[in-house]
Amino acid sequence: MIKRLSKHGNSMALVLDRGLLDLLDIKPETPLKVTTDGECLILSPAHTTRRREALKAALKDGNRRYAKTLKNLAG
């Protein structure tokens, strides 16, 4: 996907397609982390404490519910 920057006041804006936003579950209120490796611009959803805690809870629940099955698959 090739994109161009758009003038937005004294700044430049990158417009992202709805499909890409849906794929990454990015909504207007989603905080985004902007980093670089020196050559590339990296844009990713910022992992807030609330999201991290929800993930931990989901993992704990999955491990509790499927521990026996996971053990059988590993063994």
Protein backbone atom coordinates (compact mmCIF):
# COMPACT_ATOMS: atom_id res chain seq x y z
CA MET A 1 0.00 0.00 0.00
CA ILE A 2 1.47 3.33 -1.04
CA LYS A 3 0.22 6.45 0.77
CA ARG A 4 0.99 10.15 0.49
CA LEU A 5 0.94 12.74 3.24
CA SER A 6 -1.74 15.42 3.17
CA LYS A 7 -1.32 19.00 4.33
CA HIS A 8 -3.21 19.60 7.59
CA GLY A 9 -2.68 23.16 8.84
CA ASN A 10 1.05 23.54 9.50
CA SER A 11 1.45 19.78 9.78
CA MET A 12 1.22 16.72 7.56
CA ALA A 13 -1.34 13.94 7.99
CA LEU A 14 -1.40 10.29 6.95
CA VAL A 15 -4.92 9.09 6.12
CA LEU A 16 -5.48 5.40 6.89
CA ASP A 17 -8.11 3.31 5.10
CA ARG A 18 -11.08 1.97 7.06
CA GLY A 19 -10.13 -1.64 6.29
CA LEU A 20 -6.71 -1.21 7.86
CA LEU A 21 -8.18 0.50 10.93
CA ASP A 22 -10.75 -2.30 11.31
CA LEU A 23 -8.08 -4.98 10.94
CA LEU A 24 -6.02 -3.44 13.76
CA ASP A 25 -9.11 -2.52 15.81
CA ILE A 26 -8.10 1.15 15.84
CA LYS A 27 -10.85 3.60 16.68
CA PRO A 28 -10.67 7.42 16.89
CA GLU A 29 -10.07 7.20 20.65
CA THR A 30 -7.33 4.52 20.40
CA PRO A 31 -3.98 5.89 21.60
CA LEU A 32 -1.24 5.24 19.04
CA LYS A 33 2.45 4.78 19.67
CA VAL A 34 4.72 6.30 17.01
CA THR A 35 8.32 5.04 16.88
CA THR A 36 11.09 4.67 14.34
CA ASP A 37 13.99 2.33 13.74
CA GLY A 38 15.92 5.11 12.02
CA GLU A 39 14.56 4.32 8.55
CA CYS A 40 10.94 3.34 9.03
CA LEU A 41 8.04 4.96 10.82
CA ILE A 42 6.26 2.46 13.06
CA LEU A 43 2.69 3.17 14.14
CA SER A 44 1.00 0.77 16.56
CA PRO A 45 -1.85 0.80 19.06
CA ALA A 46 -0.49 1.81 22.46
CA HIS A 47 -1.03 -0.95 24.97
CA THR A 48 -2.77 0.69 27.87
CA THR A 49 -2.86 -0.84 31.32
CA ARG A 50 -6.55 -1.66 30.84
CA ARG A 51 -5.85 -3.60 27.62
CA ARG A 52 -2.89 -5.39 29.20
CA GLU A 53 -5.01 -6.41 32.21
CA ALA A 54 -7.81 -7.64 29.93
CA LEU A 55 -5.29 -9.77 28.01
CA LYS A 56 -3.86 -11.22 31.22
CA ALA A 57 -7.36 -12.08 32.43
CA ALA A 58 -8.23 -13.75 29.12
CA LEU A 59 -5.01 -15.79 29.19
CA LYS A 60 -5.60 -16.84 32.79
CA ASP A 61 -9.17 -17.89 31.96
CA GLY A 62 -8.04 -19.79 28.85
CA ASN A 63 -5.32 -21.58 30.79
CA ARG A 64 -7.79 -22.50 33.53
CA ARG A 65 -10.41 -23.74 31.08
CA TYR A 66 -8.10 -25.59 28.70
CA ALA A 67 -5.15 -26.63 30.89
CA LYS A 68 -5.81 -30.36 30.44
CA THR A 69 -6.20 -30.10 26.66
CA LEU A 70 -3.08 -27.93 26.35
CA LYS A 71 -1.11 -30.39 28.46
CA ASN A 72 -2.26 -33.27 26.22
CA LEU A 73 -1.30 -31.37 23.09
CA ALA A 74 2.16 -30.57 24.47
CA GLY A 75 2.88 -34.05 25.67
